[in-house]
C-alpha cells in the first residue's frame, strides 16, 4: 500500500517534480482507512483462520481473545486515551482514497 500510494503521488509530480514538491512538500501521515482498536485488529487476524485448519480448537495456544483497557494492561500508556491516525490531508492534497485496513489485512495474510 505504501509503495502504491507513493507511486501515485510521484506520478502527479512528474514532469515538474521540483515545483510540485516545493508547493506540496510536507509531512503527511499514511495509513489505511477505517477505524479499529488493537483488540479489533487482533480479532480480525484470528477471524481469518490463517492457522492450520486441521488443528482442533483445544490444540490452539490461543483459546480466546479478551479486550482490555490500558489500565488493565498494567503499564501507563504514553499516548492519548483515544487516538486515530488521520489521512485527510494526504487524501485532500493528492486526491487519493486510502484502502480500508481490513482489505489491506486480507492482502497481507493471503
Protein backbone atom coordinates (compact mmCIF):
# COMPACT_ATOMS: atom_id res chain seq x y z
CA UNK A 1 0.00 0.00 0.00
CA UNK A 2 2.75 2.47 0.90
CA UNK A 3 4.62 1.88 -2.35
CA UNK A 4 1.44 2.16 -4.43
CA UNK A 5 0.32 5.43 -2.80
CA UNK A 6 3.85 6.86 -3.05
CA UNK A 7 3.97 5.95 -6.76
CA UNK A 8 0.64 7.71 -7.32
CA UNK A 9 1.95 10.85 -5.63
CA UNK A 10 5.20 10.79 -7.64
CA UNK A 11 3.24 10.33 -10.88
CA UNK A 12 1.31 13.50 -10.04
CA UNK A 13 4.61 15.33 -9.57
CA UNK A 14 6.07 14.47 -12.98
CA UNK A 15 7.44 16.11 -15.09
CA UNK A 16 7.91 19.15 -12.79
CA UNK A 17 8.80 17.37 -9.56
CA UNK A 18 10.81 20.23 -8.04
CA UNK A 19 7.93 22.70 -8.50
CA UNK A 20 5.40 20.14 -7.33
CA UNK A 21 7.24 19.26 -4.14
CA UNK A 22 8.08 22.91 -3.46
CA UNK A 23 4.35 23.53 -3.06
CA UNK A 24 3.19 20.08 -1.85
CA UNK A 25 6.29 19.01 0.08
CA UNK A 26 5.03 18.50 3.62
CA UNK A 27 4.95 15.82 6.23
CA UNK A 28 2.00 13.51 5.63
CA UNK A 29 0.61 10.59 7.54
CA UNK A 30 -0.11 7.46 5.50
CA UNK A 31 -2.14 4.55 6.79
CA UNK A 32 -5.09 2.54 5.61
CA UNK A 33 -8.53 4.00 6.14
CA UNK A 34 -11.06 2.87 8.71
CA UNK A 35 -11.02 2.64 12.47
CA UNK A 36 -10.17 -0.17 14.85
CA UNK A 37 -8.52 -0.92 18.18
CA UNK A 38 -5.62 -3.26 18.91
CA UNK A 39 -8.27 -5.75 20.05
CA UNK A 40 -10.24 -5.30 16.82
CA UNK A 41 -7.07 -5.73 14.79
CA UNK A 42 -6.13 -8.95 16.61
CA UNK A 43 -9.70 -10.24 16.37
CA UNK A 44 -9.71 -9.63 12.60
CA UNK A 45 -6.45 -11.58 12.24
CA UNK A 46 -7.70 -14.58 14.20
CA UNK A 47 -11.11 -14.48 12.47
CA UNK A 48 -9.43 -15.16 9.14
CA UNK A 49 -8.30 -18.59 10.34
CA UNK A 50 -4.81 -18.24 8.94
CA UNK A 51 -3.72 -21.04 11.20
CA UNK A 52 -3.77 -24.75 10.45
CA UNK A 53 -7.47 -25.56 9.92
CA UNK A 54 -6.89 -29.17 10.98
CA UNK A 55 -5.96 -28.09 14.50
CA UNK A 56 -8.74 -28.68 16.98
CA UNK A 57 -9.64 -25.59 18.95
CA UNK A 58 -8.34 -27.25 22.12
CA UNK A 59 -4.91 -27.65 20.47
CA UNK A 60 -4.55 -23.98 19.66
CA UNK A 61 -2.40 -21.93 22.00
CA UNK A 62 -4.83 -19.02 21.89
CA UNK A 63 -8.18 -20.15 23.22
CA UNK A 64 -9.85 -16.74 23.35
CA UNK A 65 -9.13 -13.10 22.87
CA UNK A 66 -10.12 -10.61 25.55
CA UNK A 67 -10.32 -6.84 25.11
CA UNK A 68 -8.72 -4.92 27.98
CA UNK A 69 -8.13 -1.29 28.78
CA UNK A 70 -4.69 0.29 29.01
CA UNK A 71 -5.12 0.41 32.77
CA UNK A 72 -5.82 -3.33 32.88
CA UNK A 73 -2.66 -3.99 30.88
CA UNK A 74 -0.63 -2.69 33.77
CA UNK A 75 1.53 -0.05 32.14
CA UNK A 76 0.80 3.61 31.71
CA UNK A 77 0.20 4.46 28.04
CA UNK A 78 2.47 7.11 26.59
CA UNK A 79 -0.27 8.32 24.25
CA UNK A 80 -3.73 9.80 24.35
CA UNK A 81 -6.53 7.56 25.55
CA UNK A 82 -8.24 7.59 22.15
CA UNK A 83 -6.23 8.42 19.07
CA UNK A 84 -6.81 7.82 15.37
CA UNK A 85 -4.26 8.32 12.62
CA UNK A 86 -5.73 10.73 10.09
CA UNK A 87 -5.22 10.64 6.30
CA UNK A 88 -7.41 13.63 5.45
CA UNK A 89 -4.56 15.98 4.49
CA UNK A 90 -2.93 13.40 2.22
CA UNK A 91 -6.26 12.41 0.66
CA UNK A 92 -7.23 16.03 0.07
CA UNK A 93 -3.90 17.30 -1.29
CA UNK A 94 -3.35 14.39 -3.67
CA UNK A 95 -6.98 13.37 -4.34
CA UNK A 96 -6.31 9.83 -3.13
CA UNK A 97 -8.59 7.33 -1.44
CA UNK A 98 -6.85 5.11 1.08
CA UNK A 99 -7.87 1.45 1.05
CA UNK A 100 -9.63 0.08 4.12
CA UNK A 101 -7.38 -1.54 6.73
CA UNK A 102 -9.36 -4.80 6.56
CA UNK A 103 -8.73 -5.06 2.80
CA UNK A 104 -5.01 -4.49 3.33
CA UNK A 105 -5.01 -7.10 6.11
CA UNK A 106 -6.56 -9.61 3.69
CA UNK A 107 -3.79 -8.94 1.18
CA UNK A 108 -1.08 -9.31 3.83
CA UNK A 109 -2.50 -12.56 5.17
CA UNK A 110 -3.17 -14.09 1.73
